[in-house]
């Protein structure tokens, strides 16, 4: 039976296994968590390879970069430089 570990899932999307772990941790308490592992080999979670499409579907539903706040795209903030004391000569 073929299985996928985090590094295999990461390869599907061109990311590291560490990022896959972060996705799992961040999405765990949301309405749309990552697919639940089918088991563990030692301490490594795995998914049956037949569930690859579940991962692809989950990935497609992910919110885009910057969702949830932050500065609106295209807004520019001016950086304030520290006032320099003028030297009296």
PDB file of N, CA and C in Angstrom:
ATOM      1  N   UNK A   1       0.841  -1.168   0.000  1.00  0.00           N
ATOM      2  CA  UNK A   1       0.000   0.000   0.000  1.00  0.00           C
ATOM      3  C   UNK A   1       0.892   1.239   0.000  1.00  0.00           C
ATOM      4  N   UNK A   2       0.650   2.145  -0.936  1.00  0.00           N
ATOM      5  CA  UNK A   2       1.442   3.368  -1.027  1.00  0.00           C
ATOM      6  C   UNK A   2       0.947   4.398  -0.020  1.00  0.00           C
ATOM      7  N   UNK A   3       1.902   5.061   0.608  1.00  0.00           N
ATOM      8  CA  UNK A   3       1.570   6.105   1.578  1.00  0.00           C
ATOM      9  C   UNK A   3       2.338   7.375   1.251  1.00  0.00           C
ATOM     10  N   UNK A   4       1.845   8.497   1.785  1.00  0.00           N
ATOM     11  CA  UNK A   4       2.500   9.789   1.636  1.00  0.00           C
ATOM     12  C   UNK A   4       2.843  10.315   3.027  1.00  0.00           C
ATOM     13  N   UNK A   5       4.082  10.748   3.178  1.00  0.00           N
ATOM     14  CA  UNK A   5       4.507  11.422   4.390  1.00  0.00           C
ATOM     15  C   UNK A   5       4.474  12.926   4.118  1.00  0.00           C
ATOM     16  N   UNK A   6       4.777  13.733   5.122  1.00  0.00           N
ATOM     17  CA  UNK A   6       4.727  15.186   4.945  1.00  0.00           C
ATOM     18  C   UNK A   6       5.607  15.654   3.794  1.00  0.00           C
ATOM     19  N   UNK A   7       6.784  15.039   3.646  1.00  0.00           N
ATOM     20  CA  UNK A   7       7.657  15.473   2.548  1.00  0.00           C
ATOM     21  C   UNK A   7       7.030  15.177   1.198  1.00  0.00           C
ATOM     22  N   UNK A   8       6.286  14.076   1.087  1.00  0.00           N
ATOM     23  CA  UNK A   8       5.590  13.757  -0.167  1.00  0.00           C
ATOM     24  C   UNK A   8       4.474  14.767  -0.439  1.00  0.00           C
ATOM     25  N   UNK A   9       3.736  15.111   0.608  1.00  0.00           N
ATOM     26  CA  UNK A   9       2.677  16.117   0.459  1.00  0.00           C
ATOM     27  C   UNK A   9       3.304  17.445   0.051  1.00  0.00           C
ATOM     28  N   UNK A  10       4.403  17.797   0.688  1.00  0.00           N
ATOM     29  CA  UNK A  10       5.094  19.034   0.340  1.00  0.00           C
ATOM     30  C   UNK A  10       5.515  19.075  -1.119  1.00  0.00           C
ATOM     31  N   UNK A  11       5.993  17.955  -1.635  1.00  0.00           N
ATOM     32  CA  UNK A  11       6.401  17.900  -3.039  1.00  0.00           C
ATOM     33  C   UNK A  11       5.227  18.146  -3.985  1.00  0.00           C
ATOM     34  N   UNK A  12       4.015  17.772  -3.572  1.00  0.00           N
ATOM     35  CA  UNK A  12       2.839  18.020  -4.421  1.00  0.00           C
ATOM     36  C   UNK A  12       2.665  19.515  -4.688  1.00  0.00           C
ATOM     37  N   UNK A  13       3.070  20.340  -3.715  1.00  0.00           N
ATOM     38  CA  UNK A  13       2.826  21.773  -3.802  1.00  0.00           C
ATOM     39  C   UNK A  13       4.100  22.608  -3.860  1.00  0.00           C
ATOM     40  N   UNK A  14       5.242  21.933  -3.921  1.00  0.00           N
ATOM     41  CA  UNK A  14       6.509  22.649  -4.020  1.00  0.00           C
ATOM     42  C   UNK A  14       6.913  23.357  -2.739  1.00  0.00           C
ATOM     43  N   UNK A  15       6.579  22.738  -1.601  1.00  0.00           N
ATOM     44  CA  UNK A  15       6.916  23.327  -0.301  1.00  0.00           C
ATOM     45  C   UNK A  15       7.636  22.284   0.556  1.00  0.00           C
ATOM     46  N   UNK A  16       8.166  22.723   1.682  1.00  0.00           N
ATOM     47  CA  UNK A  16       8.887  21.821   2.578  1.00  0.00           C
ATOM     48  C   UNK A  16       7.937  21.038   3.474  1.00  0.00           C
ATOM     49  N   UNK A  17       8.452  19.952   4.052  1.00  0.00           N
ATOM     50  CA  UNK A  17       7.630  19.193   4.996  1.00  0.00           C
ATOM     51  C   UNK A  17       7.346  20.018   6.250  1.00  0.00           C
ATOM     52  N   UNK A  18       8.245  20.968   6.560  1.00  0.00           N
ATOM     53  CA  UNK A  18       8.010  21.839   7.713  1.00  0.00           C
ATOM     54  C   UNK A  18       6.773  22.713   7.496  1.00  0.00           C
ATOM     55  N   UNK A  19       6.596  23.196   6.258  1.00  0.00           N
ATOM     56  CA  UNK A  19       5.423  24.009   5.964  1.00  0.00           C
ATOM     57  C   UNK A  19       4.151  23.170   6.028  1.00  0.00           C
ATOM     58  N   UNK A  20       4.216  21.927   5.580  1.00  0.00           N
ATOM     59  CA  UNK A  20       3.056  21.035   5.686  1.00  0.00           C
ATOM     60  C   UNK A  20       2.689  20.856   7.159  1.00  0.00           C
ATOM     61  N   UNK A  21       3.688  20.689   8.012  1.00  0.00           N
ATOM     62  CA  UNK A  21       3.447  20.583   9.456  1.00  0.00           C
ATOM     63  C   UNK A  21       2.784  21.859   9.980  1.00  0.00           C
ATOM     64  N   UNK A  22       3.278  23.017   9.519  1.00  0.00           N
ATOM     65  CA  UNK A  22       2.683  24.289   9.938  1.00  0.00           C
ATOM     66  C   UNK A  22       1.234  24.396   9.483  1.00  0.00           C
ATOM     67  N   UNK A  23       0.945  23.957   8.252  1.00  0.00           N
ATOM     68  CA  UNK A  23      -0.441  23.963   7.763  1.00  0.00           C
ATOM     69  C   UNK A  23      -1.319  23.133   8.684  1.00  0.00           C
ATOM     70  N   UNK A  24      -0.820  21.967   9.061  1.00  0.00           N
ATOM     71  CA  UNK A  24      -1.594  21.092   9.946  1.00  0.00           C
ATOM     72  C   UNK A  24      -1.876  21.785  11.272  1.00  0.00           C
ATOM     73  N   UNK A  25      -0.838  22.379  11.842  1.00  0.00           N
ATOM     74  CA  UNK A  25      -0.976  23.021  13.145  1.00  0.00           C
ATOM     75  C   UNK A  25      -1.916  24.225  13.061  1.00  0.00           C
ATOM     76  N   UNK A  26      -1.726  25.070  12.039  1.00  0.00           N
ATOM     77  CA  UNK A  26      -2.542  26.282  11.915  1.00  0.00           C
ATOM     78  C   UNK A  26      -3.994  25.975  11.586  1.00  0.00           C
ATOM     79  N   UNK A  27      -4.242  24.954  10.802  1.00  0.00           N
ATOM     80  CA  UNK A  27      -5.610  24.678  10.356  1.00  0.00           C
ATOM     81  C   UNK A  27      -6.375  23.766  11.304  1.00  0.00           C
ATOM     82  N   UNK A  28      -5.704  23.227  12.300  1.00  0.00           N
ATOM     83  CA  UNK A  28      -6.331  22.231  13.183  1.00  0.00           C
ATOM     84  C   UNK A  28      -7.602  22.734  13.852  1.00  0.00           C
ATOM     85  N   UNK A  29      -7.638  24.000  14.231  1.00  0.00           N
ATOM     86  CA  UNK A  29      -8.806  24.530  14.943  1.00  0.00           C
ATOM     87  C   UNK A  29      -9.693  25.378  14.051  1.00  0.00           C
ATOM     88  N   UNK A  30      -9.590  25.188  12.750  1.00  0.00           N
ATOM     89  CA  UNK A  30     -10.417  25.943  11.817  1.00  0.00           C
ATOM     90  C   UNK A  30     -11.559  25.067  11.313  1.00  0.00           C
ATOM     91  N   UNK A  31     -12.401  25.657  10.492  1.00  0.00           N
ATOM     92  CA  UNK A  31     -13.509  24.908   9.893  1.00  0.00           C
ATOM     93  C   UNK A  31     -13.037  24.005   8.757  1.00  0.00           C
ATOM     94  N   UNK A  32     -11.800  24.191   8.320  1.00  0.00           N
ATOM     95  CA  UNK A  32     -11.290  23.415   7.192  1.00  0.00           C
ATOM     96  C   UNK A  32      -9.874  22.916   7.476  1.00  0.00           C
ATOM     97  N   UNK A  33      -9.729  21.948   8.392  1.00  0.00           N
ATOM     98  CA  UNK A  33      -8.390  21.429   8.696  1.00  0.00           C
ATOM     99  C   UNK A  33      -7.830  20.591   7.543  1.00  0.00           C
ATOM    100  N   UNK A  34      -6.539  20.377   7.584  1.00  0.00           N
ATOM    101  CA  UNK A  34      -5.908  19.500   6.593  1.00  0.00           C
ATOM    102  C   UNK A  34      -6.478  18.086   6.748  1.00  0.00           C
ATOM    103  N   UNK A  35      -6.331  17.265   5.713  1.00  0.00           N
ATOM    104  CA  UNK A  35      -6.791  15.878   5.848  1.00  0.00           C
ATOM    105  C   UNK A  35      -6.147  15.179   7.046  1.00  0.00           C
ATOM    106  N   UNK A  36      -6.942  14.423   7.760  1.00  0.00           N
ATOM    107  CA  UNK A  36      -6.472  13.693   8.939  1.00  0.00           C
ATOM    108  C   UNK A  36      -5.564  12.544   8.509  1.00  0.00           C
ATOM    109  N   UNK A  37      -4.407  12.401   9.162  1.00  0.00           N
ATOM    110  CA  UNK A  37      -3.520  11.290   8.801  1.00  0.00           C
ATOM    111  C   UNK A  37      -4.213   9.935   8.999  1.00  0.00           C
ATOM    112  N   UNK A  38      -3.809   8.973   8.180  1.00  0.00           N
ATOM    113  CA  UNK A  38      -4.343   7.614   8.285  1.00  0.00           C
ATOM    114  C   UNK A  38      -3.614   6.794   9.333  1.00  0.00           C
ATOM    115  N   UNK A  39      -2.452   7.250   9.736  1.00  0.00           N
ATOM    116  CA  UNK A  39      -1.685   6.521  10.740  1.00  0.00           C
ATOM    117  C   UNK A  39      -0.345   7.184  10.958  1.00  0.00           C
ATOM    118  N   UNK A  40       0.502   6.506  11.702  1.00  0.00           N
ATOM    119  CA  UNK A  40       1.858   6.988  11.970  1.00  0.00           C
ATOM    120  C   UNK A  40       2.843   5.850  11.782  1.00  0.00           C
ATOM    121  N   UNK A  41       3.995   6.206  11.271  1.00  0.00           N
ATOM    122  CA  UNK A  41       5.118   5.281  11.194  1.00  0.00           C
ATOM    123  C   UNK A  41       6.156   5.864  12.142  1.00  0.00           C
ATOM    124  N   UNK A  42       6.229   5.320  13.331  1.00  0.00           N
ATOM    125  CA  UNK A  42       7.040   5.951  14.371  1.00  0.00           C
ATOM    126  C   UNK A  42       6.312   7.213  14.791  1.00  0.00           C
ATOM    127  N   UNK A  43       6.981   8.345  14.641  1.00  0.00           N
ATOM    128  CA  UNK A  43       6.355   9.630  14.973  1.00  0.00           C
ATOM    129  C   UNK A  43       5.878  10.375  13.729  1.00  0.00           C
ATOM    130  N   UNK A  44       6.058   9.757  12.561  1.00  0.00           N
ATOM    131  CA  UNK A  44       5.745  10.426  11.292  1.00  0.00           C
ATOM    132  C   UNK A  44       4.331  10.103  10.823  1.00  0.00           C
ATOM    133  N   UNK A  45       3.457  11.128  10.724  1.00  0.00           N
ATOM    134  CA  UNK A  45       2.116  10.867  10.211  1.00  0.00           C
ATOM    135  C   UNK A  45       2.178  10.533   8.719  1.00  0.00           C
ATOM    136  N   UNK A  46       1.230   9.704   8.270  1.00  0.00           N
ATOM    137  CA  UNK A  46       1.152   9.389   6.847  1.00  0.00           C
ATOM    138  C   UNK A  46      -0.296   9.338   6.398  1.00  0.00           C
ATOM    139  N   UNK A  47      -0.458   9.498   5.085  1.00  0.00           N
ATOM    140  CA  UNK A  47      -1.764   9.422   4.440  1.00  0.00           C
ATOM    141  C   UNK A  47      -1.652   8.402   3.318  1.00  0.00           C
ATOM    142  N   UNK A  48      -2.731   7.650   3.081  1.00  0.00           N
ATOM    143  CA  UNK A  48      -2.719   6.728   1.951  1.00  0.00           C
ATOM    144  C   UNK A  48      -2.637   7.557   0.676  1.00  0.00           C
ATOM    145  N   UNK A  49      -1.836   7.100  -0.267  1.00  0.00           N
ATOM    146  CA  UNK A  49      -1.623   7.828  -1.515  1.00  0.00           C
ATOM    147  C   UNK A  49      -2.931   8.050  -2.270  1.00  0.00           C
ATOM    148  N   UNK A  50      -3.893   7.199  -2.040  1.00  0.00           N
ATOM    149  CA  UNK A  50      -5.194   7.348  -2.717  1.00  0.00           C
ATOM    150  C   UNK A  50      -5.931   8.615  -2.262  1.00  0.00           C
ATOM    151  N   UNK A  51      -5.439   9.257  -1.207  1.00  0.00           N
ATOM    152  CA  UNK A  51      -6.080  10.474  -0.689  1.00  0.00           C
ATOM    153  C   UNK A  51      -5.410  11.752  -1.190  1.00  0.00           C
ATOM    154  N   UNK A  52      -4.556  11.612  -2.185  1.00  0.00           N
ATOM    155  CA  UNK A  52      -3.866  12.782  -2.734  1.00  0.00           C
ATOM    156  C   UNK A  52      -4.858  13.871  -3.150  1.00  0.00           C
ATOM    157  N   UNK A  53      -5.962  13.493  -3.751  1.00  0.00           N
ATOM    158  CA  UNK A  53      -6.938  14.490  -4.217  1.00  0.00           C
ATOM    159  C   UNK A  53      -7.527  15.283  -3.049  1.00  0.00           C
ATOM    160  N   UNK A  54      -7.668  14.656  -1.888  1.00  0.00           N
ATOM    161  CA  UNK A  54      -8.155  15.392  -0.712  1.00  0.00           C
ATOM    162  C   UNK A  54      -7.206  16.533  -0.377  1.00  0.00           C
ATOM    163  N   UNK A  55      -5.908  16.247  -0.449  1.00  0.00           N
ATOM    164  CA  UNK A  55      -4.919  17.296  -0.203  1.00  0.00           C
ATOM    165  C   UNK A  55      -5.022  18.382  -1.262  1.00  0.00           C
ATOM    166  N   UNK A  56      -5.153  18.001  -2.520  1.00  0.00           N
ATOM    167  CA  UNK A  56      -5.254  18.990  -3.598  1.00  0.00           C
ATOM    168  C   UNK A  56      -6.499  19.860  -3.423  1.00  0.00           C
ATOM    169  N   UNK A  57      -7.601  19.242  -3.031  1.00  0.00           N
ATOM    170  CA  UNK A  57      -8.836  20.001  -2.792  1.00  0.00           C
ATOM    171  C   UNK A  57      -8.658  20.960  -1.619  1.00  0.00           C
ATOM    172  N   UNK A  58      -8.050  20.480  -0.538  1.00  0.00           N
ATOM    173  CA  UNK A  58      -7.808  21.343   0.620  1.00  0.00           C
ATOM    174  C   UNK A  58      -6.939  22.527   0.214  1.00  0.00           C
ATOM    175  N   UNK A  59      -5.880  22.251  -0.525  1.00  0.00           N
ATOM    176  CA  UNK A  59      -4.955  23.304  -0.945  1.00  0.00           C
ATOM    177  C   UNK A  59      -5.673  24.346  -1.805  1.00  0.00           C
ATOM    178  N   UNK A  60      -6.546  23.902  -2.682  1.00  0.00           N
ATOM    179  CA  UNK A  60      -7.290  24.818  -3.555  1.00  0.00           C
ATOM    180  C   UNK A  60      -8.238  25.712  -2.756  1.00  0.00           C
ATOM    181  N   UNK A  61      -8.695  25.248  -1.603  1.00  0.00           N
ATOM    182  CA  UNK A  61      -9.616  26.037  -0.765  1.00  0.00           C
ATOM    183  C   UNK A  61      -8.906  27.009   0.157  1.00  0.00           C
ATOM    184  N   UNK A  62      -7.590  26.892   0.266  1.00  0.00           N
ATOM    185  CA  UNK A  62      -6.850  27.762   1.186  1.00  0.00           C
ATOM    186  C   UNK A  62      -7.061  29.215   0.823  1.00  0.00           C
ATOM    187  N   UNK A  63      -7.168  30.075   1.837  1.00  0.00           N
ATOM    188  CA  UNK A  63      -7.269  31.504   1.530  1.00  0.00           C
ATOM    189  C   UNK A  63      -5.965  32.005   0.935  1.00  0.00           C
ATOM    190  N   UNK A  64      -6.052  33.055   0.179  1.00  0.00           N
ATOM    191  CA  UNK A  64      -4.867  33.607  -0.466  1.00  0.00           C
ATOM    192  C   UNK A  64      -3.945  34.308   0.505  1.00  0.00           C
ATOM    193  N   UNK A  65      -2.810  34.699   0.001  1.00  0.00           N
ATOM    194  CA  UNK A  65      -1.796  35.381   0.803  1.00  0.00           C
ATOM    195  C   UNK A  65      -2.370  36.671   1.369  1.00  0.00           C
ATOM    196  N   UNK A  66      -2.160  36.883   2.644  1.00  0.00           N
ATOM    197  CA  UNK A  66      -2.579  38.116   3.271  1.00  0.00           C
ATOM    198  C   UNK A  66      -4.025  38.175   3.707  1.00  0.00           C
ATOM    199  N   UNK A  67      -4.767  37.105   3.559  1.00  0.00           N
ATOM    200  CA  UNK A  67      -6.157  37.120   3.984  1.00  0.00           C
ATOM    201  C   UNK A  67      -6.213  37.259   5.499  1.00  0.00           C
ATOM    202  N   UNK A  68      -7.130  38.060   5.957  1.00  0.00           N
ATOM    203  CA  UNK A  68      -7.300  38.183   7.394  1.00  0.00           C
ATOM    204  C   UNK A  68      -6.734  39.456   7.983  1.00  0.00           C
ATOM    205  N   UNK A  69      -6.323  40.357   7.175  1.00  0.00           N
ATOM    206  CA  UNK A  69      -5.859  41.620   7.733  1.00  0.00           C
ATOM    207  C   UNK A  69      -4.631  42.144   7.039  1.00  0.00           C
ATOM    208  N   UNK A  70      -4.099  43.127   7.634  1.00  0.00           N
ATOM    209  CA  UNK A  70      -2.923  43.744   7.058  1.00  0.00           C
ATOM    210  C   UNK A  70      -3.297  44.932   6.195  1.00  0.00           C
ATOM    211  N   UNK A  71      -2.304  45.548   5.677  1.00  0.00           N
ATOM    212  CA  UNK A  71      -2.474  46.727   4.840  1.00  0.00           C
ATOM    213  C   UNK A  71      -3.075  46.340   3.512  1.00  0.00           C
ATOM    214  N   UNK A  72      -4.031  47.109   2.993  1.00  0.00           N
ATOM    215  CA  UNK A  72      -4.589  46.804   1.672  1.00  0.00           C
ATOM    216  C   UNK A  72      -3.508  46.850   0.603  1.00  0.00           C
ATOM    217  N   UNK A  73      -3.631  45.992  -0.394  1.00  0.00           N
ATOM    218  CA  UNK A  73      -2.653  45.941  -1.469  1.00  0.00           C
ATOM    219  C   UNK A  73      -2.605  47.288  -2.172  1.00  0.00           C
ATOM    220  N   UNK A  74      -1.427  47.746  -2.424  1.00  0.00           N
ATOM    221  CA  UNK A  74      -1.243  49.002  -3.121  1.00  0.00           C
ATOM    222  C   UNK A  74      -1.154  50.206  -2.196  1.00  0.00           C
ATOM    223  N   UNK A  75      -1.478  50.026  -0.925  1.00  0.00           N
ATOM    224  CA  UNK A  75      -1.363  51.168  -0.014  1.00  0.00           C
ATOM    225  C   UNK A  75       0.109  51.370   0.301  1.00  0.00           C
ATOM    226  N   UNK A  76       0.458  52.601   0.396  1.00  0.00           N
ATOM    227  CA  UNK A  76       1.866  52.896   0.667  1.00  0.00           C
ATOM    228  C   UNK A  76       1.946  53.710   1.937  1.00  0.00           C
ATOM    229  N   UNK A  77       2.832  53.296   2.776  1.00  0.00           N
ATOM    230  CA  UNK A  77       3.060  54.079   3.978  1.00  0.00           C
ATOM    231  C   UNK A  77       4.435  54.694   3.852  1.00  0.00           C
ATOM    232  N   UNK A  78       4.509  55.938   4.214  1.00  0.00           N
ATOM    233  CA  UNK A  78       5.799  56.616   4.129  1.00  0.00           C
ATOM    234  C   UNK A  78       6.589  56.319   5.382  1.00  0.00           C
ATOM    235  N   UNK A  79       7.798  56.035   5.178  1.00  0.00           N
ATOM    236  CA  UNK A  79       8.679  55.769   6.297  1.00  0.00           C
ATOM    237  C   UNK A  79       9.163  57.096   6.851  1.00  0.00           C
ATOM    238  N   UNK A  80       8.976  57.260   8.104  1.00  0.00           N
ATOM    239  CA  UNK A  80       9.414  58.510   8.722  1.00  0.00           C
ATOM    240  C   UNK A  80      10.858  58.372   9.157  1.00  0.00           C
ATOM    241  N   UNK A  81      11.623  59.338   8.773  1.00  0.00           N
ATOM    242  CA  UNK A  81      13.015  59.299   9.214  1.00  0.00           C
ATOM    243  C   UNK A  81      13.125  60.080  10.513  1.00  0.00           C
ATOM    244  N   UNK A  82      14.034  59.659  11.297  1.00  0.00           N
ATOM    245  CA  UNK A  82      14.245  60.329  12.577  1.00  0.00           C
ATOM    246  C   UNK A  82      14.720  61.748  12.309  1.00  0.00           C
ATOM    247  N   UNK A  83      14.156  62.668  13.057  1.00  0.00           N
ATOM    248  CA  UNK A  83      14.570  64.067  12.894  1.00  0.00           C
ATOM    249  C   UNK A  83      16.024  64.189  13.306  1.00  0.00           C
ATOM    250  N   UNK A  84      16.767  64.809  12.455  1.00  0.00           N
ATOM    251  CA  UNK A  84      18.184  65.005  12.755  1.00  0.00           C
ATOM    252  C   UNK A  84      18.380  66.416  13.292  1.00  0.00           C
ATOM    253  N   UNK A  85      19.076  66.490  14.381  1.00  0.00           N
ATOM    254  CA  UNK A  85      19.326  67.846  14.906  1.00  0.00           C
ATOM    255  C   UNK A  85      20.219  68.610  13.954  1.00  0.00           C
ATOM    256  N   UNK A  86      19.887  69.847  13.752  1.00  0.00           N
ATOM    257  CA  UNK A  86      20.733  70.649  12.865  1.00  0.00           C
ATOM    258  C   UNK A  86      21.963  71.093  13.628  1.00  0.00           C
ATOM    259  N   UNK A  87      23.042  71.141  12.952  1.00  0.00           N
ATOM    260  CA  UNK A  87      24.263  71.563  13.630  1.00  0.00           C
ATOM    261  C   UNK A  87      24.453  73.049  13.395  1.00  0.00           C
ATOM    262  N   UNK A  88      24.649  73.731  14.454  1.00  0.00           N
ATOM    263  CA  UNK A  88      24.869  75.183  14.344  1.00  0.00           C
ATOM    264  C   UNK A  88      26.328  75.413  14.063  1.00  0.00           C
ATOM    265  N   UNK A  89      26.620  76.045  12.947  1.00  0.00           N
ATOM    266  CA  UNK A  89      28.027  76.287  12.604  1.00  0.00           C
ATOM    267  C   UNK A  89      28.329  77.741  12.648  1.00  0.00           C
TER     268      UNK A  89
END
